[in-house]
Protein backbone atom coordinates (compact mmCIF):
# COMPACT_ATOMS: atom_id res chain seq x y z
CA MET A 1 82.03 70.14 74.15
CA ARG A 2 78.50 71.26 74.85
CA ILE A 3 77.44 72.21 78.38
CA GLU A 4 74.01 70.95 79.33
CA LYS A 5 71.98 73.34 81.50
CA PRO A 6 74.48 76.19 81.87
CA SER A 7 72.00 78.13 84.03
CA ALA A 8 71.96 75.31 86.60
CA ILE A 9 75.75 75.28 86.72
CA LEU A 10 75.86 79.07 87.10
CA ALA A 11 73.26 78.94 89.88
CA GLY A 12 75.29 76.27 91.69
CA LEU A 13 78.45 78.36 91.46
CA CYS A 14 76.61 81.40 92.84
CA VAL A 15 75.35 79.42 95.82
CA CYS A 16 78.87 78.13 96.55
CA ALA A 17 80.29 81.66 96.36
CA LEU A 18 77.59 82.98 98.71
CA LEU A 19 78.24 80.26 101.29
CA ALA A 20 82.00 80.80 101.13
CA THR A 21 81.53 84.56 101.61
CA LYS A 22 79.28 84.07 104.64
CA ALA A 23 81.77 81.66 106.26
CA ALA A 24 84.68 84.03 105.66
CA ALA A 25 82.72 87.02 106.99
CA HIS A 26 81.85 85.24 110.23
CA HIS A 27 85.45 84.27 110.87
CA GLY A 28 86.72 87.76 110.08
CA TRP A 29 85.66 91.00 111.76
CA SER A 30 83.34 92.49 109.13
CA TRP A 31 80.23 91.29 110.99
CA ALA A 32 81.30 93.07 114.21
CA GLU A 33 81.36 96.67 115.44
CA GLY A 34 84.69 98.46 115.09
CA GLU A 35 84.86 99.73 118.68
CA LEU A 36 85.44 97.53 121.70
CA SER A 37 82.71 96.92 124.28
CA GLU A 38 83.03 95.52 127.80
CA LEU A 39 80.40 93.19 129.23
CA THR A 40 80.32 91.34 132.55
CA GLY A 41 78.19 88.32 133.36
CA THR A 42 78.03 84.76 134.62
CA ILE A 43 79.24 81.79 132.59
CA ARG A 44 76.46 79.32 131.74
CA GLU A 45 78.49 77.09 129.41
CA VAL A 46 82.10 76.62 128.28
CA SER A 47 82.78 74.90 124.95
CA PHE A 48 86.02 73.92 123.26
CA ALA A 49 84.18 72.25 120.37
CA PRO A 50 84.91 73.21 116.73
CA PRO A 51 84.89 75.55 114.96
CA HIS A 52 86.23 77.64 117.87
CA PRO A 53 86.01 77.78 121.65
CA SER A 54 83.11 79.79 123.02
CA LEU A 55 81.25 80.77 126.15
CA GLU A 56 77.58 81.19 126.83
CA VAL A 57 77.22 84.02 129.34
CA GLU A 58 74.21 85.46 131.13
CA ILE A 59 74.40 89.26 131.15
CA GLU A 60 71.61 91.27 132.77
CA GLY A 61 69.10 88.45 132.24
CA GLU A 62 70.05 87.82 128.59
CA VAL A 63 72.14 84.97 127.22
CA TRP A 64 75.13 86.00 125.09
CA GLN A 65 77.29 83.93 122.75
CA VAL A 66 80.95 84.81 123.30
CA ASP A 67 83.22 83.66 120.48
CA LEU A 68 86.83 83.23 121.59
CA GLY A 69 89.87 83.06 119.32
CA ASN A 70 90.57 80.14 117.05
CA PRO A 71 91.78 77.07 118.98
CA ASN A 72 95.48 78.01 118.68
CA GLN A 73 94.91 81.64 119.74
CA THR A 74 92.77 80.55 122.66
CA GLN A 75 95.43 78.09 123.79
CA ARG A 76 98.20 80.71 123.43
CA SER A 77 96.16 83.08 125.62
CA GLY A 78 96.37 80.50 128.41
CA PHE A 79 92.65 79.77 128.37
CA ALA A 80 92.20 76.00 128.44
CA GLN A 81 89.90 73.39 129.91
CA GLY A 82 89.63 74.09 133.62
CA SER A 83 90.34 77.83 133.30
CA ALA A 84 86.66 78.62 133.82
CA GLU A 85 83.61 76.87 135.17
CA VAL A 86 79.87 77.36 134.98
CA GLY A 87 78.95 80.02 137.54
CA ASP A 88 82.21 81.99 137.25
CA GLU A 89 81.96 85.72 136.67
CA VAL A 90 83.61 86.81 133.42
CA THR A 91 84.37 90.20 131.92
CA ILE A 92 84.51 90.25 128.14
CA LEU A 93 86.31 92.90 126.13
CA GLY A 94 85.42 92.52 122.49
CA ASN A 95 83.51 93.51 119.39
CA ARG A 96 79.73 93.12 119.41
CA SER A 97 77.73 92.01 116.40
CA LEU A 98 76.56 94.78 114.07
CA ASP A 99 73.12 93.16 114.26
CA GLU A 100 71.73 94.63 117.49
CA SER A 101 69.15 91.83 117.73
CA GLU A 102 71.98 89.31 118.06
CA ASN A 103 73.56 88.75 121.49
CA LEU A 104 76.96 87.90 120.04
CA ILE A 105 80.41 89.25 120.83
CA LYS A 106 83.85 88.24 119.58
CA ALA A 107 86.18 88.35 122.57
CA VAL A 108 89.50 90.12 122.34
CA ARG A 109 90.15 89.50 126.05
CA ILE A 110 88.28 87.68 128.78
CA THR A 111 88.99 88.15 132.46
CA ILE A 112 88.13 85.52 135.06
CA ASP A 113 89.04 85.90 138.74
CA GLY A 114 91.55 88.65 137.91
CA GLN A 115 93.30 86.58 135.21
CA ASN A 116 93.37 88.10 131.70
CA TYR A 117 93.24 85.82 128.69
CA ASP A 118 94.16 87.88 125.62
CA MET A 119 92.86 86.20 122.46
CA TYR A 120 93.86 89.11 120.19
CA PRO A 121 96.43 91.21 122.11
CA GLY A 122 97.12 93.40 119.06
CA ARG A 123 93.52 94.64 119.09
CA ILE A 124 93.70 95.87 122.70
CA GLU A 125 94.40 99.58 123.01
CA GLY A 126 97.11 100.89 125.32
């Protein structure tokens, strides 16, 4: 068997590997700071659309993307449709993006009207 254009096949495999690595990195924690940060702002949008629930939050005049847990984790935390509305104040405890130009944080816990929703309780210290 003779492979036609092995360089094209190799290039295609490299592209697939790169895309798979980027997807895995985003869904892990490697793209985020190791220490937890706390931010407070006003909810502009609530989304339960795939790939995971998220919030858009205005914090000190800037819009932040707040990634919540995967759908099952978010549901187990008690956060569901109707738990928050546009205009609600939210406090986010989570890990910010390593890229300081990116207003992105992965929430470990969100607090709305005194109610904690723990997406990743094992990551919350004491």
